[in-house]
Structures are given as structure tokens and as C-alpha cells.
Amino acid sequence: MKLLLVFVCLVGLAVSQETYTSQYDNINVDSILANERIVRQYVKCLLDQTRCNNEGKTLKKILPDALRTGCKKCTSTQKVQAEKVLRHLYRQRRNDWNRLKAKYDPSGQYSRFYESML
């Protein structure tokens, strides 16, 4: 009986663990990163330089928490996508990387961790 109670509690804990919305998990990140205009729009959105589409609004909303927690609430797909985006920005668009860092991580607290993996 005790074992059953522990199992039910663990299942309840696993189910109740909050994750970010998976609504955009099927977006083709590779095709977005290959399109200069779209990447520029997302960067401008994140930097408050232009209006954001729905995906940009969602990203902008969750980005600070994802950085702070190491993407703890990310789905496995989101973790893979985030790594692709971070690697692309860091290697191919260093100016944008630095501008986003200045806004979302001015102390460099989180970027040091991510840069060590890129």
C-alpha cells in the first residue's frame, strides 16, 4: 500500500511539472536560421525595436526564465532548438549575440555558461 502511494505521488509530481507551451515545437528552426530577414525580425523583436509576431511574443515572454533556469521548463524539442539558435547566433551573428546579451544578461551570468557549451 505504501509503495502504491509513493508511486501515485511520483506520477502526480511528474505530470504536474510545468513546461513551456509546446505549440511552436514543430517550427523548422533550420529554415528560419537560413533566412536573414526572418532572423533579423526576431532579433529586433527581442530587442524591442519592432513589433513581434505570436512566436516572437512567446519567445520574448519565456526567454528570461529559460536563461535563468537553464531551460528547465523546456521540452526536449525546445532544448534542441534553443541550442541550434544559440550556436547560430554565437558563431554566425556575433553582433546580434552581443546585443541580446546586453539586454537579457548584462552581467554575463548566464551567457558564460552557454558560451562554454557553444
N, C-alpha and C. Protein backbone atom coordinates (compact mmCIF):
# COMPACT_ATOMS: atom_id res chain seq x y z
N MET A 1 0.82 -1.20 0.00
CA MET A 1 0.00 0.00 0.00
C MET A 1 0.87 1.26 0.00
N LYS A 2 1.92 1.28 0.82
CA LYS A 2 2.81 2.43 0.87
C LYS A 2 3.49 2.64 -0.49
N LEU A 3 3.88 1.55 -1.11
CA LEU A 3 4.53 1.64 -2.42
C LEU A 3 3.58 2.26 -3.44
N LEU A 4 2.32 1.88 -3.40
CA LEU A 4 1.33 2.43 -4.31
C LEU A 4 1.16 3.93 -4.08
N LEU A 5 1.13 4.34 -2.84
CA LEU A 5 1.00 5.75 -2.50
C LEU A 5 2.20 6.55 -3.02
N VAL A 6 3.40 6.02 -2.83
CA VAL A 6 4.62 6.68 -3.33
C VAL A 6 4.56 6.78 -4.85
N PHE A 7 4.15 5.72 -5.52
CA PHE A 7 4.07 5.72 -6.98
C PHE A 7 3.08 6.78 -7.46
N VAL A 8 1.91 6.84 -6.83
CA VAL A 8 0.90 7.83 -7.22
C VAL A 8 1.43 9.25 -7.02
N CYS A 9 2.14 9.47 -5.93
CA CYS A 9 2.71 10.79 -5.67
C CYS A 9 3.76 11.16 -6.72
N LEU A 10 4.61 10.20 -7.08
CA LEU A 10 5.64 10.47 -8.09
C LEU A 10 5.04 10.75 -9.45
N VAL A 11 4.02 9.98 -9.82
CA VAL A 11 3.35 10.21 -11.10
C VAL A 11 2.69 11.59 -11.09
N GLY A 12 2.05 11.94 -10.00
CA GLY A 12 1.42 13.26 -9.89
C GLY A 12 2.44 14.37 -10.01
N LEU A 13 3.60 14.17 -9.40
CA LEU A 13 4.67 15.17 -9.48
C LEU A 13 5.17 15.31 -10.91
N ALA A 14 5.36 14.19 -11.58
CA ALA A 14 5.86 14.22 -12.96
C ALA A 14 4.85 14.89 -13.88
N VAL A 15 3.57 14.61 -13.70
CA VAL A 15 2.54 15.19 -14.56
C VAL A 15 2.39 16.68 -14.29
N SER A 16 2.52 17.09 -13.04
CA SER A 16 2.30 18.49 -12.71
C SER A 16 3.49 19.38 -13.00
N GLN A 17 4.64 18.79 -13.36
CA GLN A 17 5.81 19.60 -13.65
C GLN A 17 5.52 20.49 -14.85
N GLU A 18 5.64 21.76 -14.65
CA GLU A 18 5.29 22.74 -15.66
C GLU A 18 6.35 22.80 -16.76
N THR A 19 5.88 22.88 -18.00
CA THR A 19 6.77 23.12 -19.14
C THR A 19 6.20 24.29 -19.93
N TYR A 20 7.05 24.88 -20.74
CA TYR A 20 6.58 25.94 -21.63
C TYR A 20 5.66 25.32 -22.67
N THR A 21 4.87 26.16 -23.29
CA THR A 21 3.95 25.67 -24.32
C THR A 21 4.72 24.96 -25.43
N SER A 22 4.17 23.85 -25.90
CA SER A 22 4.80 23.11 -26.99
C SER A 22 4.17 23.49 -28.33
N GLN A 23 3.37 24.54 -28.33
CA GLN A 23 2.64 24.98 -29.51
C GLN A 23 3.56 25.21 -30.71
N TYR A 24 4.78 25.68 -30.46
CA TYR A 24 5.68 26.01 -31.57
C TYR A 24 6.82 25.00 -31.73
N ASP A 25 6.70 23.84 -31.12
CA ASP A 25 7.78 22.85 -31.19
C ASP A 25 8.02 22.33 -32.61
N ASN A 26 7.04 22.43 -33.49
CA ASN A 26 7.19 21.90 -34.85
C ASN A 26 7.72 22.92 -35.84
N ILE A 27 8.09 24.09 -35.37
CA ILE A 27 8.67 25.11 -36.26
C ILE A 27 10.01 24.62 -36.78
N ASN A 28 10.26 24.85 -38.06
CA ASN A 28 11.52 24.44 -38.67
C ASN A 28 12.58 25.51 -38.39
N VAL A 29 13.32 25.32 -37.32
CA VAL A 29 14.32 26.29 -36.89
C VAL A 29 15.42 26.45 -37.92
N ASP A 30 15.80 25.37 -38.58
CA ASP A 30 16.86 25.45 -39.59
C ASP A 30 16.49 26.40 -40.73
N SER A 31 15.23 26.32 -41.19
CA SER A 31 14.83 27.21 -42.29
C SER A 31 14.75 28.66 -41.82
N ILE A 32 14.37 28.88 -40.57
CA ILE A 32 14.35 30.25 -40.02
C ILE A 32 15.77 30.80 -39.96
N LEU A 33 16.70 30.01 -39.45
CA LEU A 33 18.08 30.47 -39.31
C LEU A 33 18.74 30.71 -40.67
N ALA A 34 18.25 30.05 -41.70
CA ALA A 34 18.80 30.24 -43.04
C ALA A 34 18.24 31.48 -43.73
N ASN A 35 17.25 32.12 -43.12
CA ASN A 35 16.60 33.28 -43.72
C ASN A 35 17.00 34.55 -42.95
N GLU A 36 17.87 35.32 -43.54
CA GLU A 36 18.41 36.54 -42.92
C GLU A 36 17.31 37.50 -42.46
N ARG A 37 16.32 37.70 -43.30
CA ARG A 37 15.24 38.63 -42.99
C ARG A 37 14.45 38.19 -41.74
N ILE A 38 14.14 36.91 -41.66
CA ILE A 38 13.36 36.41 -40.53
C ILE A 38 14.18 36.48 -39.24
N VAL A 39 15.44 36.10 -39.30
CA VAL A 39 16.30 36.17 -38.12
C VAL A 39 16.39 37.62 -37.64
N ARG A 40 16.58 38.53 -38.56
CA ARG A 40 16.67 39.94 -38.21
C ARG A 40 15.39 40.41 -37.51
N GLN A 41 14.23 39.96 -38.00
CA GLN A 41 12.95 40.34 -37.39
C GLN A 41 12.84 39.81 -35.96
N TYR A 42 13.25 38.57 -35.74
CA TYR A 42 13.20 38.02 -34.38
C TYR A 42 14.15 38.76 -33.45
N VAL A 43 15.32 39.08 -33.94
CA VAL A 43 16.28 39.82 -33.10
C VAL A 43 15.72 41.18 -32.76
N LYS A 44 15.17 41.87 -33.74
CA LYS A 44 14.58 43.19 -33.49
C LYS A 44 13.41 43.09 -32.51
N CYS A 45 12.62 42.06 -32.65
CA CYS A 45 11.51 41.82 -31.72
C CYS A 45 12.04 41.68 -30.30
N LEU A 46 13.03 40.83 -30.12
CA LEU A 46 13.59 40.59 -28.79
C LEU A 46 14.25 41.83 -28.20
N LEU A 47 14.71 42.72 -29.08
CA LEU A 47 15.36 43.95 -28.62
C LEU A 47 14.39 45.13 -28.53
N ASP A 48 13.10 44.86 -28.69
CA ASP A 48 12.06 45.90 -28.62
C ASP A 48 12.22 46.96 -29.70
N GLN A 49 12.71 46.57 -30.87
CA GLN A 49 12.89 47.51 -31.96
C GLN A 49 11.81 47.41 -33.03
N THR A 50 10.94 46.40 -32.89
CA THR A 50 9.83 46.24 -33.83
C THR A 50 8.76 45.40 -33.15
N ARG A 51 7.60 45.35 -33.76
CA ARG A 51 6.51 44.53 -33.24
C ARG A 51 6.87 43.06 -33.43
N CYS A 52 6.37 42.23 -32.55
CA CYS A 52 6.64 40.80 -32.59
C CYS A 52 5.44 40.03 -33.14
N ASN A 53 5.72 38.96 -33.90
CA ASN A 53 4.65 38.04 -34.26
C ASN A 53 4.34 37.18 -33.02
N ASN A 54 3.37 36.29 -33.12
CA ASN A 54 2.97 35.49 -31.96
C ASN A 54 4.12 34.65 -31.41
N GLU A 55 4.90 34.05 -32.29
CA GLU A 55 6.03 33.24 -31.84
C GLU A 55 7.06 34.11 -31.12
N GLY A 56 7.31 35.29 -31.67
CA GLY A 56 8.25 36.22 -31.04
C GLY A 56 7.77 36.68 -29.67
N LYS A 57 6.47 36.95 -29.55
CA LYS A 57 5.91 37.35 -28.25
C LYS A 57 6.11 36.24 -27.22
N THR A 58 5.85 35.01 -27.63
CA THR A 58 6.02 33.88 -26.71
C THR A 58 7.48 33.73 -26.32
N LEU A 59 8.36 33.80 -27.30
CA LEU A 59 9.79 33.68 -27.02
C LEU A 59 10.25 34.78 -26.07
N LYS A 60 9.82 35.98 -26.33
CA LYS A 60 10.21 37.13 -25.52
C LYS A 60 9.73 36.97 -24.08
N LYS A 61 8.56 36.36 -23.93
CA LYS A 61 7.99 36.16 -22.61
C LYS A 61 8.75 35.10 -21.80
N ILE A 62 9.16 34.01 -22.46
CA ILE A 62 9.78 32.91 -21.71
C ILE A 62 11.31 33.01 -21.64
N LEU A 63 11.91 33.81 -22.50
CA LEU A 63 13.37 33.87 -22.58
C LEU A 63 14.05 34.17 -21.25
N PRO A 64 13.63 35.19 -20.50
CA PRO A 64 14.32 35.47 -19.23
C PRO A 64 14.30 34.28 -18.26
N ASP A 65 13.15 33.62 -18.16
CA ASP A 65 13.04 32.46 -17.26
C ASP A 65 13.88 31.30 -17.77
N ALA A 66 13.86 31.07 -19.08
CA ALA A 66 14.64 29.97 -19.65
C ALA A 66 16.13 30.18 -19.42
N LEU A 67 16.60 31.40 -19.57
CA LEU A 67 18.01 31.70 -19.31
C LEU A 67 18.35 31.48 -17.85
N ARG A 68 17.49 31.98 -16.99
CA ARG A 68 17.74 31.91 -15.54
C ARG A 68 17.75 30.47 -15.02
N THR A 69 16.89 29.62 -15.60
CA THR A 69 16.75 28.25 -15.08
C THR A 69 17.49 27.21 -15.91
N GLY A 70 18.22 27.64 -16.92
CA GLY A 70 18.89 26.67 -17.78
C GLY A 70 17.91 25.85 -18.61
N CYS A 71 16.81 26.48 -18.98
CA CYS A 71 15.78 25.86 -19.83
C CYS A 71 15.10 24.68 -19.11
N LYS A 72 14.96 24.79 -17.83
CA LYS A 72 14.39 23.72 -17.02
C LYS A 72 12.96 23.35 -17.44
N LYS A 73 12.20 24.34 -17.88
CA LYS A 73 10.81 24.09 -18.28
C LYS A 73 10.67 23.81 -19.77
N CYS A 74 11.78 23.74 -20.49
CA CYS A 74 11.75 23.47 -21.92
C CYS A 74 11.42 22.01 -22.19
N THR A 75 10.70 21.76 -23.27
CA THR A 75 10.51 20.40 -23.73
C THR A 75 11.83 19.94 -24.35
N SER A 76 11.96 18.67 -24.61
CA SER A 76 13.21 18.18 -25.22
C SER A 76 13.42 18.80 -26.59
N THR A 77 12.35 18.99 -27.34
CA THR A 77 12.45 19.64 -28.65
C THR A 77 12.93 21.07 -28.50
N GLN A 78 12.40 21.79 -27.53
CA GLN A 78 12.81 23.17 -27.32
C GLN A 78 14.27 23.29 -26.93
N LYS A 79 14.77 22.33 -26.19
CA LYS A 79 16.18 22.35 -25.81
C LYS A 79 17.07 22.20 -27.04
N VAL A 80 16.69 21.30 -27.94
CA VAL A 80 17.45 21.10 -29.18
C VAL A 80 17.39 22.37 -30.03
N GLN A 81 16.19 22.93 -30.16
CA GLN A 81 16.03 24.14 -30.96
C GLN A 81 16.81 25.31 -30.36
N ALA A 82 16.74 25.45 -29.06
CA ALA A 82 17.45 26.55 -28.38
C ALA A 82 18.94 26.45 -28.61
N GLU A 83 19.47 25.24 -28.53
CA GLU A 83 20.91 25.06 -28.75
C GLU A 83 21.30 25.45 -30.17
N LYS A 84 20.48 25.09 -31.16
CA LYS A 84 20.75 25.47 -32.55
C LYS A 84 20.77 26.98 -32.70
N VAL A 85 19.78 27.64 -32.11
CA VAL A 85 19.67 29.09 -32.24
C VAL A 85 20.85 29.77 -31.55
N LEU A 86 21.14 29.34 -30.33
CA LEU A 86 22.27 29.93 -29.60
C LEU A 86 23.58 29.74 -30.34
N ARG A 87 23.81 28.54 -30.85
CA ARG A 87 25.04 28.26 -31.59
C ARG A 87 25.13 29.14 -32.84
N HIS A 88 24.01 29.27 -33.54
CA HIS A 88 23.98 30.10 -34.75
C HIS A 88 24.28 31.57 -34.42
N LEU A 89 23.61 32.08 -33.41
CA LEU A 89 23.85 33.49 -33.04
C LEU A 89 25.29 33.70 -32.59
N TYR A 90 25.79 32.78 -31.81
CA TYR A 90 27.15 32.92 -31.27
C TYR A 90 28.21 32.82 -32.36
N ARG A 91 28.02 31.90 -33.30
CA ARG A 91 29.03 31.68 -34.34
C ARG A 91 28.85 32.54 -35.59
N GLN A 92 27.59 32.80 -35.96
CA GLN A 92 27.33 33.46 -37.24
C GLN A 92 26.88 34.92 -37.11
N ARG A 93 26.34 35.28 -35.97
CA ARG A 93 25.76 36.62 -35.81
C ARG A 93 26.21 37.20 -34.47
N ARG A 94 27.51 37.31 -34.32
CA ARG A 94 28.08 37.72 -33.03
C ARG A 94 27.59 39.09 -32.58
N ASN A 95 27.37 40.00 -33.51
CA ASN A 95 26.86 41.32 -33.13
C ASN A 95 25.47 41.20 -32.49
N ASP A 96 24.59 40.41 -33.10
CA ASP A 96 23.26 40.18 -32.53
C ASP A 96 23.38 39.48 -31.17
N TRP A 97 24.26 38.49 -31.09
CA TRP A 97 24.50 37.78 -29.83
C TRP A 97 24.86 38.79 -28.73
N ASN A 98 25.77 39.69 -29.04
CA ASN A 98 26.21 40.67 -28.04
C ASN A 98 25.09 41.64 -27.66
N ARG A 99 24.30 42.04 -28.63
CA ARG A 99 23.17 42.95 -28.32
C ARG A 99 22.13 42.25 -27.47
N LEU A 100 21.83 40.99 -27.77
CA LEU A 100 20.87 40.24 -26.96
C LEU A 100 21.41 39.98 -25.56
N LYS A 101 22.71 39.70 -25.47
CA LYS A 101 23.34 39.53 -24.16
C LYS A 101 23.22 40.80 -23.34
N ALA A 102 23.46 41.94 -23.96
CA ALA A 102 23.38 43.22 -23.24
C ALA A 102 21.99 43.44 -22.66
N LYS A 103 20.98 43.00 -23.37
CA LYS A 103 19.61 43.19 -22.88
C LYS A 103 19.20 42.13 -21.86
N TYR A 104 19.45 40.86 -22.16
CA TYR A 104 18.91 39.78 -21.35
C TYR A 104 19.89 39.23 -20.31
N ASP A 105 21.16 39.60 -20.43
CA ASP A 105 22.16 39.10 -19.49
C ASP A 105 23.30 40.11 -19.34
N PRO A 106 22.98 41.31 -18.88
CA PRO A 106 24.01 42.36 -18.82
C PRO A 106 25.19 42.01 -17.92
N SER A 107 24.98 41.18 -16.92
CA SER A 107 26.09 40.82 -16.02
C SER A 107 26.92 39.67 -16.59
N GLY A 108 26.42 39.00 -17.62
CA GLY A 108 27.14 37.87 -18.20
C GLY A 108 27.00 36.58 -17.40
N GLN A 109 26.14 36.61 -16.42
CA GLN A 109 25.95 35.46 -15.53
C GLN A 109 25.53 34.20 -16.27
N TYR A 110 24.59 34.31 -17.20
CA TYR A 110 24.07 33.14 -17.91
C TYR A 110 24.87 32.85 -19.17
N SER A 111 25.29 33.89 -19.86
CA SER A 111 25.98 33.68 -21.14
C SER A 111 27.30 32.95 -20.97
N ARG A 112 27.98 33.14 -19.87
CA ARG A 112 29.24 32.40 -19.64
C ARG A 112 28.99 30.91 -19.67
N PHE A 113 27.89 30.48 -19.06
CA PHE A 113 27.53 29.06 -19.05
C PHE A 113 27.24 28.58 -20.46
N TYR A 114 26.40 29.31 -21.19
CA TYR A 114 26.01 28.89 -22.53
C TYR A 114 27.17 28.95 -23.50
N GLU A 115 27.99 29.98 -23.41
CA GLU A 115 29.13 30.10 -24.32
C GLU A 115 30.12 28.96 -24.14
N SER A 116 30.23 28.43 -22.94
CA SER A 116 31.15 27.31 -22.71
C SER A 116 30.69 26.05 -23.44
N MET A 117 29.41 25.97 -23.77
CA MET A 117 28.88 24.81 -24.48
C MET A 117 28.86 25.00 -25.99
N LEU A 118 29.03 26.24 -26.44
CA LEU A 118 28.92 26.52 -27.87
C LEU A 118 30.27 26.41 -28.54
